[in-house]
Amino acid sequence: MASLVFQFGPGHEVRMPFDSRVELAVHLSILIHGGVVAAAREIGVTRNVLFRWAQRGVTPHGGNLRGLAKAANVPASWLEADEGPETGSAQAREEADDGQAEDDNSSD
């Protein structure tokens, strides 16, 4: 299990363990007051996934997503599902786009 470690002077540190990219996103979003959704997007978690967690009221590690979003001043509308099917991580989409572009270029 990895941890974020923050040092606040000699001998004062806070460790925030996380099991997944999602937990890391939530920790980071709270720390920087940026927003759960914005941080999750950075690591490729889709809004549809966040919406499903919000419907259940919890994140996979037991945090209350709506409560976290409210604390981070995230508008409730950001937790609404996007239209269409879930497409997976941003990195996977980029890799798929790159592959499609290569296919398009090779047919010239």
C-alpha atoms as a PDB file:
ATOM      1  CA  MET A   1       0.000   0.000   0.000  1.00  0.00           C
ATOM      2  CA  ALA A   2       1.360   3.415  -0.970  1.00  0.00           C
ATOM      3  CA  SER A   3       1.062   6.565   1.120  1.00  0.00           C
ATOM      4  CA  LEU A   4       1.101  10.281   0.616  1.00  0.00           C
ATOM      5  CA  VAL A   5       3.409  11.782   3.232  1.00  0.00           C
ATOM      6  CA  PHE A   6       3.233  15.434   4.251  1.00  0.00           C
ATOM      7  CA  GLN A   7       5.789  16.936   6.600  1.00  0.00           C
ATOM      8  CA  PHE A   8       4.860  19.936   8.741  1.00  0.00           C
ATOM      9  CA  GLY A   9       8.187  20.733  10.324  1.00  0.00           C
ATOM     10  CA  PRO A  10      10.595  18.462  12.198  1.00  0.00           C
ATOM     11  CA  GLY A  11       8.921  15.366  13.525  1.00  0.00           C
ATOM     12  CA  HIS A  12       5.447  16.274  12.300  1.00  0.00           C
ATOM     13  CA  GLU A  13       4.109  14.301   9.388  1.00  0.00           C
ATOM     14  CA  VAL A  14       0.815  12.993   8.153  1.00  0.00           C
ATOM     15  CA  ARG A  15       0.558   9.750   6.199  1.00  0.00           C
ATOM     16  CA  MET A  16      -2.451   9.140   3.989  1.00  0.00           C
ATOM     17  CA  PRO A  17      -2.442   5.531   2.760  1.00  0.00           C
ATOM     18  CA  PHE A  18      -4.263   4.652  -0.426  1.00  0.00           C
ATOM     19  CA  ASP A  19      -5.016   1.391  -2.240  1.00  0.00           C
ATOM     20  CA  SER A  20      -6.142   2.813  -5.537  1.00  0.00           C
ATOM     21  CA  ARG A  21      -5.905   5.746  -7.890  1.00  0.00           C
ATOM     22  CA  VAL A  22      -9.374   6.749  -6.750  1.00  0.00           C
ATOM     23  CA  GLU A  23      -8.361   7.052  -3.119  1.00  0.00           C
ATOM     24  CA  LEU A  24      -5.332   9.077  -4.185  1.00  0.00           C
ATOM     25  CA  ALA A  25      -7.579  11.419  -6.182  1.00  0.00           C
ATOM     26  CA  VAL A  26      -9.894  11.943  -3.222  1.00  0.00           C
ATOM     27  CA  HIS A  27      -6.990  12.637  -0.863  1.00  0.00           C
ATOM     28  CA  LEU A  28      -5.398  15.090  -3.272  1.00  0.00           C
ATOM     29  CA  SER A  29      -8.655  16.852  -4.016  1.00  0.00           C
ATOM     30  CA  ILE A  30      -9.341  17.433  -0.339  1.00  0.00           C
ATOM     31  CA  LEU A  31      -5.824  18.659   0.308  1.00  0.00           C
ATOM     32  CA  ILE A  32      -5.797  21.180  -2.505  1.00  0.00           C
ATOM     33  CA  HIS A  33      -9.498  22.106  -2.247  1.00  0.00           C
ATOM     34  CA  GLY A  34      -9.737  21.456  -5.968  1.00  0.00           C
ATOM     35  CA  GLY A  35     -12.584  19.001  -6.198  1.00  0.00           C
ATOM     36  CA  VAL A  36     -13.130  15.262  -6.256  1.00  0.00           C
ATOM     37  CA  VAL A  37     -14.220  15.223  -9.874  1.00  0.00           C
ATOM     38  CA  ALA A  38     -11.374  17.358 -11.194  1.00  0.00           C
ATOM     39  CA  ALA A  39      -8.762  15.244  -9.419  1.00  0.00           C
ATOM     40  CA  ALA A  40     -10.391  12.019 -10.543  1.00  0.00           C
ATOM     41  CA  ARG A  41     -10.382  13.187 -14.151  1.00  0.00           C
ATOM     42  CA  GLU A  42      -6.641  13.755 -13.942  1.00  0.00           C
ATOM     43  CA  ILE A  43      -6.116  10.055 -13.269  1.00  0.00           C
ATOM     44  CA  GLY A  44      -8.709   8.842 -15.751  1.00  0.00           C
ATOM     45  CA  VAL A  45     -11.731   8.080 -13.564  1.00  0.00           C
ATOM     46  CA  THR A  46     -14.842   8.898 -15.578  1.00  0.00           C
ATOM     47  CA  ARG A  47     -17.782  10.960 -14.392  1.00  0.00           C
ATOM     48  CA  ASN A  48     -20.043   7.937 -14.916  1.00  0.00           C
ATOM     49  CA  VAL A  49     -18.037   6.003 -12.317  1.00  0.00           C
ATOM     50  CA  LEU A  50     -18.256   8.923  -9.894  1.00  0.00           C
ATOM     51  CA  PHE A  51     -21.983   9.170 -10.562  1.00  0.00           C
ATOM     52  CA  ARG A  52     -22.499   5.491  -9.678  1.00  0.00           C
ATOM     53  CA  TRP A  53     -20.582   5.963  -6.426  1.00  0.00           C
ATOM     54  CA  ALA A  54     -22.585   9.082  -5.648  1.00  0.00           C
ATOM     55  CA  GLN A  55     -25.812   7.146  -6.195  1.00  0.00           C
ATOM     56  CA  ARG A  56     -24.613   4.592  -3.638  1.00  0.00           C
ATOM     57  CA  GLY A  57     -23.356   7.423  -1.459  1.00  0.00           C
ATOM     58  CA  VAL A  58     -19.850   6.092  -0.964  1.00  0.00           C
ATOM     59  CA  THR A  59     -16.504   5.745  -2.685  1.00  0.00           C
ATOM     60  CA  PRO A  60     -14.845   2.300  -2.813  1.00  0.00           C
ATOM     61  CA  HIS A  61     -12.861   3.028   0.355  1.00  0.00           C
ATOM     62  CA  GLY A  62     -15.952   4.069   2.331  1.00  0.00           C
ATOM     63  CA  GLY A  63     -15.811   7.845   1.976  1.00  0.00           C
ATOM     64  CA  ASN A  64     -19.004   9.766   1.335  1.00  0.00           C
ATOM     65  CA  LEU A  65     -18.525  11.162  -2.174  1.00  0.00           C
ATOM     66  CA  ARG A  66     -21.258  13.785  -1.967  1.00  0.00           C
ATOM     67  CA  GLY A  67     -19.919  14.917   1.401  1.00  0.00           C
ATOM     68  CA  LEU A  68     -16.383  15.107   0.027  1.00  0.00           C
ATOM     69  CA  ALA A  69     -17.581  16.988  -3.031  1.00  0.00           C
ATOM     70  CA  LYS A  70     -19.493  19.469  -0.865  1.00  0.00           C
ATOM     71  CA  ALA A  71     -16.472  19.975   1.398  1.00  0.00           C
ATOM     72  CA  ALA A  72     -14.322  20.645  -1.675  1.00  0.00           C
ATOM     73  CA  ASN A  73     -16.944  23.064  -3.083  1.00  0.00           C
ATOM     74  CA  VAL A  74     -17.664  20.830  -6.084  1.00  0.00           C
ATOM     75  CA  PRO A  75     -20.989  21.701  -7.737  1.00  0.00           C
ATOM     76  CA  ALA A  76     -23.537  18.886  -7.473  1.00  0.00           C
ATOM     77  CA  SER A  77     -23.962  19.028 -11.251  1.00  0.00           C
ATOM     78  CA  TRP A  78     -20.394  17.729 -11.631  1.00  0.00           C
ATOM     79  CA  LEU A  79     -21.560  14.426 -10.158  1.00  0.00           C
ATOM     80  CA  GLU A  80     -24.178  13.950 -12.854  1.00  0.00           C
ATOM     81  CA  ALA A  81     -23.514  11.199 -15.379  1.00  0.00           C
ATOM     82  CA  ASP A  82     -22.233  12.050 -18.832  1.00  0.00           C
ATOM     83  CA  GLU A  83     -24.314  11.009 -21.796  1.00  0.00           C
ATOM     84  CA  GLY A  84     -23.415   7.721 -23.437  1.00  0.00           C
ATOM     85  CA  PRO A  85     -21.568   4.642 -22.238  1.00  0.00           C
ATOM     86  CA  GLU A  86     -18.626   4.726 -19.935  1.00  0.00           C
ATOM     87  CA  THR A  87     -15.416   4.802 -21.905  1.00  0.00           C
ATOM     88  CA  GLY A  88     -12.785   3.869 -19.336  1.00  0.00           C
ATOM     89  CA  SER A  89      -9.646   5.718 -18.396  1.00  0.00           C
ATOM     90  CA  ALA A  90      -8.355   8.792 -20.147  1.00  0.00           C
ATOM     91  CA  GLN A  91      -5.099   6.974 -20.890  1.00  0.00           C
ATOM     92  CA  ALA A  92      -6.965   4.080 -22.516  1.00  0.00           C
ATOM     93  CA  ARG A  93      -8.995   6.528 -24.608  1.00  0.00           C
ATOM     94  CA  GLU A  94      -5.825   8.329 -25.695  1.00  0.00           C
ATOM     95  CA  GLU A  95      -4.187   5.032 -26.649  1.00  0.00           C
ATOM     96  CA  ALA A  96      -7.281   4.048 -28.622  1.00  0.00           C
ATOM     97  CA  ASP A  97      -7.293   7.449 -30.339  1.00  0.00           C
ATOM     98  CA  ASP A  98      -3.594   7.077 -31.182  1.00  0.00           C
ATOM     99  CA  GLY A  99      -4.217   3.652 -32.676  1.00  0.00           C
ATOM    100  CA  GLN A 100      -7.126   4.979 -34.730  1.00  0.00           C
ATOM    101  CA  ALA A 101      -5.019   7.878 -36.002  1.00  0.00           C
ATOM    102  CA  GLU A 102      -2.259   5.459 -37.046  1.00  0.00           C
ATOM    103  CA  ASP A 103      -4.833   3.285 -38.850  1.00  0.00           C
ATOM    104  CA  ASP A 104      -6.225   6.353 -40.631  1.00  0.00           C
ATOM    105  CA  ASN A 105      -2.734   7.450 -41.697  1.00  0.00           C
ATOM    106  CA  SER A 106      -1.776   4.019 -42.994  1.00  0.00           C
ATOM    107  CA  SER A 107      -4.746   3.891 -45.389  1.00  0.00           C
ATOM    108  CA  ASP A 108      -3.533   6.922 -47.341  1.00  0.00           C
END
